[in-house]
Amino acid sequence: MDELSITVVIADRPYKLKINRREEEAIRKAASAIDTDIEKYASYFQYKDKQDLLAMVALQFSVSSIDFETQLKFHNQQLTGKLSEIDKVLTEALSE
């Protein structure tokens, strides 16, 4: 495994990570997205410390993840249904 040590800063705190080199871009983008959302929430809401903002960002990302999973399940079910229909049509056509 091609490991790499990096430091990402989230909510003004540095976090040292040991990661697979191919994950670096995604991790840096994720940390950047978190900080961007923290800044967005800071401009809209009153807060005591950045942990409050971090909790809101975590909630937002969790809801987005759940929504995405729900959509993915729905699309997979639709795809499975369509593939079954195609299989049925092909099976009938080949048996004639």
PDB file of N, CA and C in Angstrom:
ATOM      1  N   MET A   1       0.853  -1.177   0.000  1.00  0.00           N
ATOM      2  CA  MET A   1       0.000   0.000   0.000  1.00  0.00           C
ATOM      3  C   MET A   1       0.896   1.236   0.000  1.00  0.00           C
ATOM      4  N   ASP A   2       0.518   2.222  -0.770  1.00  0.00           N
ATOM      5  CA  ASP A   2       1.273   3.452  -0.923  1.00  0.00           C
ATOM      6  C   ASP A   2       0.724   4.483   0.060  1.00  0.00           C
ATOM      7  N   GLU A   3       1.247   4.490   1.292  1.00  0.00           N
ATOM      8  CA  GLU A   3       0.733   5.386   2.329  1.00  0.00           C
ATOM      9  C   GLU A   3       1.373   6.759   2.246  1.00  0.00           C
ATOM     10  N   LEU A   4       0.607   7.726   2.726  1.00  0.00           N
ATOM     11  CA  LEU A   4       1.030   9.116   2.716  1.00  0.00           C
ATOM     12  C   LEU A   4       0.548   9.758   4.012  1.00  0.00           C
ATOM     13  N   SER A   5       1.387  10.574   4.634  1.00  0.00           N
ATOM     14  CA  SER A   5       0.984  11.324   5.827  1.00  0.00           C
ATOM     15  C   SER A   5       0.626  12.739   5.397  1.00  0.00           C
ATOM     16  N   ILE A   6      -0.578  13.159   5.758  1.00  0.00           N
ATOM     17  CA  ILE A   6      -1.012  14.513   5.430  1.00  0.00           C
ATOM     18  C   ILE A   6      -1.628  15.144   6.664  1.00  0.00           C
ATOM     19  N   THR A   7      -1.774  16.443   6.613  1.00  0.00           N
ATOM     20  CA  THR A   7      -2.479  17.179   7.658  1.00  0.00           C
ATOM     21  C   THR A   7      -3.598  17.961   6.986  1.00  0.00           C
ATOM     22  N   VAL A   8      -4.807  17.764   7.480  1.00  0.00           N
ATOM     23  CA  VAL A   8      -5.936  18.563   7.004  1.00  0.00           C
ATOM     24  C   VAL A   8      -6.411  19.419   8.164  1.00  0.00           C
ATOM     25  N   VAL A   9      -6.912  20.586   7.837  1.00  0.00           N
ATOM     26  CA  VAL A   9      -7.409  21.507   8.867  1.00  0.00           C
ATOM     27  C   VAL A   9      -8.924  21.585   8.720  1.00  0.00           C
ATOM     28  N   ILE A  10      -9.608  21.252   9.805  1.00  0.00           N
ATOM     29  CA  ILE A  10     -11.066  21.313   9.840  1.00  0.00           C
ATOM     30  C   ILE A  10     -11.451  22.125  11.068  1.00  0.00           C
ATOM     31  N   ALA A  11     -12.244  23.158  10.855  1.00  0.00           N
ATOM     32  CA  ALA A  11     -12.689  24.036  11.944  1.00  0.00           C
ATOM     33  C   ALA A  11     -11.488  24.571  12.733  1.00  0.00           C
ATOM     34  N   ASP A  12     -10.471  25.011  12.011  1.00  0.00           N
ATOM     35  CA  ASP A  12      -9.259  25.599  12.591  1.00  0.00           C
ATOM     36  C   ASP A  12      -8.420  24.630  13.422  1.00  0.00           C
ATOM     37  N   ARG A  13      -8.659  23.332  13.268  1.00  0.00           N
ATOM     38  CA  ARG A  13      -7.872  22.339  13.986  1.00  0.00           C
ATOM     39  C   ARG A  13      -7.162  21.441  12.983  1.00  0.00           C
ATOM     40  N   PRO A  14      -5.871  21.234  13.169  1.00  0.00           N
ATOM     41  CA  PRO A  14      -5.140  20.342  12.265  1.00  0.00           C
ATOM     42  C   PRO A  14      -5.340  18.874  12.673  1.00  0.00           C
ATOM     43  N   TYR A  15      -5.506  18.029  11.685  1.00  0.00           N
ATOM     44  CA  TYR A  15      -5.644  16.594  11.902  1.00  0.00           C
ATOM     45  C   TYR A  15      -4.629  15.878  11.022  1.00  0.00           C
ATOM     46  N   LYS A  16      -3.716  15.154  11.658  1.00  0.00           N
ATOM     47  CA  LYS A  16      -2.724  14.388  10.924  1.00  0.00           C
ATOM     48  C   LYS A  16      -3.325  13.028  10.590  1.00  0.00           C
ATOM     49  N   LEU A  17      -3.211  12.674   9.330  1.00  0.00           N
ATOM     50  CA  LEU A  17      -3.784  11.425   8.851  1.00  0.00           C
ATOM     51  C   LEU A  17      -2.744  10.621   8.088  1.00  0.00           C
ATOM     52  N   LYS A  18      -2.826   9.324   8.182  1.00  0.00           N
ATOM     53  CA  LYS A  18      -2.030   8.440   7.351  1.00  0.00           C
ATOM     54  C   LYS A  18      -3.021   7.773   6.413  1.00  0.00           C
ATOM     55  N   ILE A  19      -2.888   8.045   5.128  1.00  0.00           N
ATOM     56  CA  ILE A  19      -3.889   7.616   4.155  1.00  0.00           C
ATOM     57  C   ILE A  19      -3.220   6.917   2.979  1.00  0.00           C
ATOM     58  N   ASN A  20      -4.048   6.262   2.188  1.00  0.00           N
ATOM     59  CA  ASN A  20      -3.594   5.710   0.925  1.00  0.00           C
ATOM     60  C   ASN A  20      -3.460   6.881  -0.038  1.00  0.00           C
ATOM     61  N   ARG A  21      -2.383   6.921  -0.785  1.00  0.00           N
ATOM     62  CA  ARG A  21      -2.096   8.055  -1.671  1.00  0.00           C
ATOM     63  C   ARG A  21      -3.262   8.362  -2.615  1.00  0.00           C
ATOM     64  N   ARG A  22      -3.957   7.340  -3.091  1.00  0.00           N
ATOM     65  CA  ARG A  22      -5.046   7.578  -4.045  1.00  0.00           C
ATOM     66  C   ARG A  22      -6.275   8.234  -3.396  1.00  0.00           C
ATOM     67  N   GLU A  23      -6.318   8.268  -2.069  1.00  0.00           N
ATOM     68  CA  GLU A  23      -7.431   8.907  -1.356  1.00  0.00           C
ATOM     69  C   GLU A  23      -7.185  10.386  -1.074  1.00  0.00           C
ATOM     70  N   GLU A  24      -5.971  10.853  -1.322  1.00  0.00           N
ATOM     71  CA  GLU A  24      -5.602  12.207  -0.907  1.00  0.00           C
ATOM     72  C   GLU A  24      -6.535  13.281  -1.469  1.00  0.00           C
ATOM     73  N   GLU A  25      -6.782  13.259  -2.755  1.00  0.00           N
ATOM     74  CA  GLU A  25      -7.605  14.307  -3.365  1.00  0.00           C
ATOM     75  C   GLU A  25      -9.007  14.335  -2.752  1.00  0.00           C
ATOM     76  N   ALA A  26      -9.613  13.164  -2.583  1.00  0.00           N
ATOM     77  CA  ALA A  26     -10.964  13.098  -2.015  1.00  0.00           C
ATOM     78  C   ALA A  26     -10.979  13.609  -0.571  1.00  0.00           C
ATOM     79  N   ILE A  27      -9.973  13.254   0.200  1.00  0.00           N
ATOM     80  CA  ILE A  27      -9.919  13.690   1.600  1.00  0.00           C
ATOM     81  C   ILE A  27      -9.736  15.199   1.681  1.00  0.00           C
ATOM     82  N   ARG A  28      -8.859  15.735   0.860  1.00  0.00           N
ATOM     83  CA  ARG A  28      -8.653  17.189   0.871  1.00  0.00           C
ATOM     84  C   ARG A  28      -9.912  17.935   0.412  1.00  0.00           C
ATOM     85  N   LYS A  29     -10.605  17.404  -0.587  1.00  0.00           N
ATOM     86  CA  LYS A  29     -11.865  18.017  -1.037  1.00  0.00           C
ATOM     87  C   LYS A  29     -12.916  17.954   0.060  1.00  0.00           C
ATOM     88  N   ALA A  30     -12.987  16.826   0.757  1.00  0.00           N
ATOM     89  CA  ALA A  30     -13.962  16.672   1.839  1.00  0.00           C
ATOM     90  C   ALA A  30     -13.681  17.671   2.959  1.00  0.00           C
ATOM     91  N   ALA A  31     -12.417  17.803   3.351  1.00  0.00           N
ATOM     92  CA  ALA A  31     -12.056  18.761   4.409  1.00  0.00           C
ATOM     93  C   ALA A  31     -12.388  20.176   3.974  1.00  0.00           C
ATOM     94  N   SER A  32     -12.128  20.488   2.716  1.00  0.00           N
ATOM     95  CA  SER A  32     -12.440  21.821   2.190  1.00  0.00           C
ATOM     96  C   SER A  32     -13.952  22.064   2.190  1.00  0.00           C
ATOM     97  N   ALA A  33     -14.724  21.051   1.795  1.00  0.00           N
ATOM     98  CA  ALA A  33     -16.183  21.184   1.780  1.00  0.00           C
ATOM     99  C   ALA A  33     -16.723  21.409   3.192  1.00  0.00           C
ATOM    100  N   ILE A  34     -16.158  20.702   4.160  1.00  0.00           N
ATOM    101  CA  ILE A  34     -16.587  20.874   5.550  1.00  0.00           C
ATOM    102  C   ILE A  34     -16.315  22.304   5.998  1.00  0.00           C
ATOM    103  N   ASP A  35     -15.113  22.800   5.735  1.00  0.00           N
ATOM    104  CA  ASP A  35     -14.782  24.172   6.141  1.00  0.00           C
ATOM    105  C   ASP A  35     -15.644  25.207   5.435  1.00  0.00           C
ATOM    106  N   THR A  36     -15.939  24.972   4.159  1.00  0.00           N
ATOM    107  CA  THR A  36     -16.814  25.890   3.420  1.00  0.00           C
ATOM    108  C   THR A  36     -18.192  25.942   4.061  1.00  0.00           C
ATOM    109  N   ASP A  37     -18.723  24.774   4.408  1.00  0.00           N
ATOM    110  CA  ASP A  37     -20.046  24.730   5.033  1.00  0.00           C
ATOM    111  C   ASP A  37     -20.026  25.325   6.438  1.00  0.00           C
ATOM    112  N   ILE A  38     -18.939  25.136   7.158  1.00  0.00           N
ATOM    113  CA  ILE A  38     -18.817  25.760   8.485  1.00  0.00           C
ATOM    114  C   ILE A  38     -18.895  27.280   8.348  1.00  0.00           C
ATOM    115  N   GLU A  39     -18.183  27.829   7.370  1.00  0.00           N
ATOM    116  CA  GLU A  39     -18.224  29.282   7.143  1.00  0.00           C
ATOM    117  C   GLU A  39     -19.629  29.741   6.767  1.00  0.00           C
ATOM    118  N   LYS A  40     -20.320  28.933   5.959  1.00  0.00           N
ATOM    119  CA  LYS A  40     -21.685  29.277   5.562  1.00  0.00           C
ATOM    120  C   LYS A  40     -22.603  29.314   6.781  1.00  0.00           C
ATOM    121  N   TYR A  41     -22.528  28.279   7.621  1.00  0.00           N
ATOM    122  CA  TYR A  41     -23.367  28.252   8.818  1.00  0.00           C
ATOM    123  C   TYR A  41     -22.996  29.379   9.782  1.00  0.00           C
ATOM    124  N   ALA A  42     -21.722  29.731   9.854  1.00  0.00           N
ATOM    125  CA  ALA A  42     -21.282  30.808  10.755  1.00  0.00           C
ATOM    126  C   ALA A  42     -21.897  32.140  10.362  1.00  0.00           C
ATOM    127  N   SER A  43     -22.139  32.320   9.063  1.00  0.00           N
ATOM    128  CA  SER A  43     -22.723  33.588   8.623  1.00  0.00           C
ATOM    129  C   SER A  43     -24.237  33.643   8.835  1.00  0.00           C
ATOM    130  N   TYR A  44     -24.873  32.482   9.018  1.00  0.00           N
ATOM    131  CA  TYR A  44     -26.330  32.439   9.177  1.00  0.00           C
ATOM    132  C   TYR A  44     -26.797  32.296  10.618  1.00  0.00           C
ATOM    133  N   PHE A  45     -26.002  31.635  11.451  1.00  0.00           N
ATOM    134  CA  PHE A  45     -26.455  31.283  12.787  1.00  0.00           C
ATOM    135  C   PHE A  45     -25.515  31.810  13.864  1.00  0.00           C
ATOM    136  N   GLN A  46     -26.100  32.046  15.029  1.00  0.00           N
ATOM    137  CA  GLN A  46     -25.279  32.357  16.186  1.00  0.00           C
ATOM    138  C   GLN A  46     -24.770  31.037  16.753  1.00  0.00           C
ATOM    139  N   TYR A  47     -23.559  31.056  17.275  1.00  0.00           N
ATOM    140  CA  TYR A  47     -22.992  29.828  17.822  1.00  0.00           C
ATOM    141  C   TYR A  47     -22.028  30.159  18.948  1.00  0.00           C
ATOM    142  N   LYS A  48     -21.839  29.182  19.836  1.00  0.00           N
ATOM    143  CA  LYS A  48     -20.915  29.367  20.951  1.00  0.00           C
ATOM    144  C   LYS A  48     -19.484  29.059  20.526  1.00  0.00           C
ATOM    145  N   ASP A  49     -19.316  27.953  19.842  1.00  0.00           N
ATOM    146  CA  ASP A  49     -17.992  27.611  19.317  1.00  0.00           C
ATOM    147  C   ASP A  49     -18.146  26.821  18.023  1.00  0.00           C
ATOM    148  N   LYS A  50     -17.024  26.553  17.395  1.00  0.00           N
ATOM    149  CA  LYS A  50     -17.068  25.906  16.079  1.00  0.00           C
ATOM    150  C   LYS A  50     -17.625  24.488  16.141  1.00  0.00           C
ATOM    151  N   GLN A  51     -17.629  23.898  17.321  1.00  0.00           N
ATOM    152  CA  GLN A  51     -18.195  22.550  17.454  1.00  0.00           C
ATOM    153  C   GLN A  51     -19.683  22.564  17.110  1.00  0.00           C
ATOM    154  N   ASP A  52     -20.386  23.642  17.467  1.00  0.00           N
ATOM    155  CA  ASP A  52     -21.802  23.764  17.105  1.00  0.00           C
ATOM    156  C   ASP A  52     -21.960  23.757  15.584  1.00  0.00           C
ATOM    157  N   LEU A  53     -21.091  24.494  14.908  1.00  0.00           N
ATOM    158  CA  LEU A  53     -21.141  24.555  13.449  1.00  0.00           C
ATOM    159  C   LEU A  53     -20.771  23.206  12.835  1.00  0.00           C
ATOM    160  N   LEU A  54     -19.772  22.562  13.420  1.00  0.00           N
ATOM    161  CA  LEU A  54     -19.349  21.252  12.930  1.00  0.00           C
ATOM    162  C   LEU A  54     -20.476  20.230  13.072  1.00  0.00           C
ATOM    163  N   ALA A  55     -21.234  20.321  14.143  1.00  0.00           N
ATOM    164  CA  ALA A  55     -22.371  19.420  14.332  1.00  0.00           C
ATOM    165  C   ALA A  55     -23.427  19.653  13.253  1.00  0.00           C
ATOM    166  N   MET A  56     -23.681  20.895  12.907  1.00  0.00           N
ATOM    167  CA  MET A  56     -24.660  21.200  11.856  1.00  0.00           C
ATOM    168  C   MET A  56     -24.183  20.680  10.500  1.00  0.00           C
ATOM    169  N   VAL A  57     -22.891  20.827  10.226  1.00  0.00           N
ATOM    170  CA  VAL A  57     -22.335  20.328   8.967  1.00  0.00           C
ATOM    171  C   VAL A  57     -22.429  18.801   8.934  1.00  0.00           C
ATOM    172  N   ALA A  58     -22.121  18.148  10.047  1.00  0.00           N
ATOM    173  CA  ALA A  58     -22.224  16.683  10.111  1.00  0.00           C
ATOM    174  C   ALA A  58     -23.666  16.243   9.859  1.00  0.00           C
ATOM    175  N   LEU A  59     -24.618  16.953  10.429  1.00  0.00           N
ATOM    176  CA  LEU A  59     -26.023  16.639  10.209  1.00  0.00           C
ATOM    177  C   LEU A  59     -26.390  16.814   8.736  1.00  0.00           C
ATOM    178  N   GLN A  60     -25.943  17.911   8.148  1.00  0.00           N
ATOM    179  CA  GLN A  60     -26.228  18.172   6.730  1.00  0.00           C
ATOM    180  C   GLN A  60     -25.665  17.057   5.845  1.00  0.00           C
ATOM    181  N   PHE A  61     -24.410  16.672   6.075  1.00  0.00           N
ATOM    182  CA  PHE A  61     -23.805  15.618   5.269  1.00  0.00           C
ATOM    183  C   PHE A  61     -24.498  14.269   5.493  1.00  0.00           C
ATOM    184  N   SER A  62     -24.919  13.999   6.713  1.00  0.00           N
ATOM    185  CA  SER A  62     -25.620  12.746   6.997  1.00  0.00           C
ATOM    186  C   SER A  62     -26.958  12.687   6.271  1.00  0.00           C
ATOM    187  N   VAL A  63     -27.699  13.778   6.293  1.00  0.00           N
ATOM    188  CA  VAL A  63     -28.981  13.832   5.588  1.00  0.00           C
ATOM    189  C   VAL A  63     -28.765  13.654   4.092  1.00  0.00           C
ATOM    190  N   SER A  64     -27.748  14.310   3.550  1.00  0.00           N
ATOM    191  CA  SER A  64     -27.437  14.173   2.120  1.00  0.00           C
ATOM    192  C   SER A  64     -27.086  12.734   1.778  1.00  0.00           C
ATOM    193  N   SER A  65     -26.330  12.091   2.635  1.00  0.00           N
ATOM    194  CA  SER A  65     -25.943  10.697   2.407  1.00  0.00           C
ATOM    195  C   SER A  65     -27.158   9.772   2.427  1.00  0.00           C
ATOM    196  N   ILE A  66     -28.046   9.990   3.378  1.00  0.00           N
ATOM    197  CA  ILE A  66     -29.264   9.177   3.466  1.00  0.00           C
ATOM    198  C   ILE A  66     -30.138   9.398   2.244  1.00  0.00           C
ATOM    199  N   ASP A  67     -30.292  10.658   1.823  1.00  0.00           N
ATOM    200  CA  ASP A  67     -31.071  10.959   0.615  1.00  0.00           C
ATOM    201  C   ASP A  67     -30.473  10.273  -0.607  1.00  0.00           C
ATOM    202  N   PHE A  68     -29.140  10.319  -0.720  1.00  0.00           N
ATOM    203  CA  PHE A  68     -28.464   9.696  -1.853  1.00  0.00           C
ATOM    204  C   PHE A  68     -28.684   8.183  -1.855  1.00  0.00           C
ATOM    205  N   GLU A  69     -28.567   7.553  -0.691  1.00  0.00           N
ATOM    206  CA  GLU A  69     -28.793   6.107  -0.585  1.00  0.00           C
ATOM    207  C   GLU A  69     -30.215   5.745  -0.984  1.00  0.00           C
ATOM    208  N   THR A  70     -31.172   6.547  -0.567  1.00  0.00           N
ATOM    209  CA  THR A  70     -32.571   6.302  -0.913  1.00  0.00           C
ATOM    210  C   THR A  70     -32.774   6.401  -2.422  1.00  0.00           C
ATOM    211  N   GLN A  71     -32.204   7.426  -3.033  1.00  0.00           N
ATOM    212  CA  GLN A  71     -32.307   7.585  -4.488  1.00  0.00           C
ATOM    213  C   GLN A  71     -31.626   6.427  -5.214  1.00  0.00           C
ATOM    214  N   LEU A  72     -30.484   6.007  -4.715  1.00  0.00           N
ATOM    215  CA  LEU A  72     -29.746   4.912  -5.333  1.00  0.00           C
ATOM    216  C   LEU A  72     -30.551   3.615  -5.273  1.00  0.00           C
ATOM    217  N   LYS A  73     -31.167   3.342  -4.140  1.00  0.00           N
ATOM    218  CA  LYS A  73     -32.010   2.137  -4.014  1.00  0.00           C
ATOM    219  C   LYS A  73     -33.158   2.194  -4.999  1.00  0.00           C
ATOM    220  N   PHE A  74     -33.791   3.358  -5.108  1.00  0.00           N
ATOM    221  CA  PHE A  74     -34.920   3.522  -6.026  1.00  0.00           C
ATOM    222  C   PHE A  74     -34.471   3.270  -7.462  1.00  0.00           C
ATOM    223  N   HIS A  75     -33.345   3.865  -7.857  1.00  0.00           N
ATOM    224  CA  HIS A  75     -32.847   3.691  -9.222  1.00  0.00           C
ATOM    225  C   HIS A  75     -32.438   2.243  -9.480  1.00  0.00           C
ATOM    226  N   ASN A  76     -31.847   1.593  -8.486  1.00  0.00           N
ATOM    227  CA  ASN A  76     -31.478   0.185  -8.641  1.00  0.00           C
ATOM    228  C   ASN A  76     -32.713  -0.692  -8.819  1.00  0.00           C
ATOM    229  N   GLN A  77     -33.766  -0.398  -8.083  1.00  0.00           N
ATOM    230  CA  GLN A  77     -35.011  -1.158  -8.224  1.00  0.00           C
ATOM    231  C   GLN A  77     -35.604  -0.954  -9.608  1.00  0.00           C
ATOM    232  N   GLN A  78     -35.582   0.295 -10.085  1.00  0.00           N
ATOM    233  CA  GLN A  78     -36.101   0.572 -11.427  1.00  0.00           C
ATOM    234  C   GLN A  78     -35.266  -0.150 -12.483  1.00  0.00           C
ATOM    235  N   LEU A  79     -33.956  -0.112 -12.331  1.00  0.00           N
ATOM    236  CA  LEU A  79     -33.068  -0.764 -13.279  1.00  0.00           C
ATOM    237  C   LEU A  79     -33.289  -2.275 -13.280  1.00  0.00           C
ATOM    238  N   THR A  80     -33.428  -2.855 -12.109  1.00  0.00           N
ATOM    239  CA  THR A  80     -33.679  -4.287 -12.013  1.00  0.00           C
ATOM    240  C   THR A  80     -34.992  -4.648 -12.700  1.00  0.00           C
ATOM    241  N   GLY A  81     -36.015  -3.832 -12.502  1.00  0.00           N
ATOM    242  CA  GLY A  81     -37.306  -4.069 -13.147  1.00  0.00           C
ATOM    243  C   GLY A  81     -37.206  -4.001 -14.659  1.00  0.00           C
ATOM    244  N   LYS A  82     -36.513  -2.990 -15.158  1.00  0.00           N
ATOM    245  CA  LYS A  82     -36.349  -2.836 -16.618  1.00  0.00           C
ATOM    246  C   LYS A  82     -35.538  -3.990 -17.198  1.00  0.00           C
ATOM    247  N   LEU A  83     -34.478  -4.400 -16.494  1.00  0.00           N
ATOM    248  CA  LEU A  83     -33.677  -5.521 -16.983  1.00  0.00           C
ATOM    249  C   LEU A  83     -34.487  -6.817 -16.999  1.00  0.00           C
ATOM    250  N   SER A  84     -35.355  -6.991 -16.029  1.00  0.00           N
ATOM    251  CA  SER A  84     -36.225  -8.177 -16.013  1.00  0.00           C
ATOM    252  C   SER A  84     -37.174  -8.158 -17.204  1.00  0.00           C
ATOM    253  N   GLU A  85     -37.715  -6.986 -17.514  1.00  0.00           N
ATOM    254  CA  GLU A  85     -38.596  -6.858 -18.680  1.00  0.00           C
ATOM    255  C   GLU A  85     -37.849  -7.189 -19.970  1.00  0.00           C
ATOM    256  N   ILE A  86     -36.642  -6.670 -20.108  1.00  0.00           N
ATOM    257  CA  ILE A  86     -35.829  -6.932 -21.297  1.00  0.00           C
ATOM    258  C   ILE A  86     -35.516  -8.422 -21.401  1.00  0.00           C
ATOM    259  N   ASP A  87     -35.152  -9.015 -20.281  1.00  0.00           N
ATOM    260  CA  ASP A  87     -34.854 -10.450 -20.264  1.00  0.00           C
ATOM    261  C   ASP A  87     -36.065 -11.264 -20.700  1.00  0.00           C
ATOM    262  N   LYS A  88     -37.229 -10.881 -20.227  1.00  0.00           N
ATOM    263  CA  LYS A  88     -38.455 -11.597 -20.583  1.00  0.00           C
ATOM    264  C   LYS A  88     -38.718 -11.485 -22.084  1.00  0.00           C
ATOM    265  N   VAL A  89     -38.582 -10.271 -22.623  1.00  0.00           N
ATOM    266  CA  VAL A  89     -38.808 -10.061 -24.054  1.00  0.00           C
ATOM    267  C   VAL A  89     -37.814 -10.863 -24.887  1.00  0.00           C
ATOM    268  N   LEU A  90     -36.552 -10.840 -24.498  1.00  0.00           N
ATOM    269  CA  LEU A  90     -35.520 -11.588 -25.227  1.00  0.00           C
ATOM    270  C   LEU A  90     -35.735 -13.085 -25.134  1.00  0.00           C
ATOM    271  N   THR A  91     -36.112 -13.556 -23.966  1.00  0.00           N
ATOM    272  CA  THR A  91     -36.366 -14.996 -23.780  1.00  0.00           C
ATOM    273  C   THR A  91     -37.531 -15.439 -24.656  1.00  0.00           C
ATOM    274  N   GLU A  92     -38.594 -14.625 -24.683  1.00  0.00           N
ATOM    275  CA  GLU A  92     -39.743 -14.964 -25.526  1.00  0.00           C
ATOM    276  C   GLU A  92     -39.366 -14.925 -27.004  1.00  0.00           C
ATOM    277  N   ALA A  93     -38.570 -13.946 -27.412  1.00  0.00           N
ATOM    278  CA  ALA A  93     -38.175 -13.817 -28.814  1.00  0.00           C
ATOM    279  C   ALA A  93     -37.284 -14.990 -29.245  1.00  0.00           C
ATOM    280  N   LEU A  94     -36.422 -15.438 -28.365  1.00  0.00           N
ATOM    281  CA  LEU A  94     -35.506 -16.546 -28.684  1.00  0.00           C
ATOM    282  C   LEU A  94     -36.232 -17.891 -28.706  1.00  0.00           C
ATOM    283  N   SER A  95     -37.316 -17.994 -27.955  1.00  0.00           N
ATOM    284  CA  SER A  95     -38.039 -19.273 -27.898  1.00  0.00           C
ATOM    285  C   SER A  95     -39.008 -19.437 -29.065  1.00  0.00           C
ATOM    286  N   GLU A  96     -39.203 -18.420 -29.833  1.00  0.00           N
ATOM    287  CA  GLU A  96     -40.138 -18.512 -30.959  1.00  0.00           C
ATOM    288  C   GLU A  96     -39.505 -19.132 -32.168  1.00  0.00           C
TER     289      GLU A  96
END
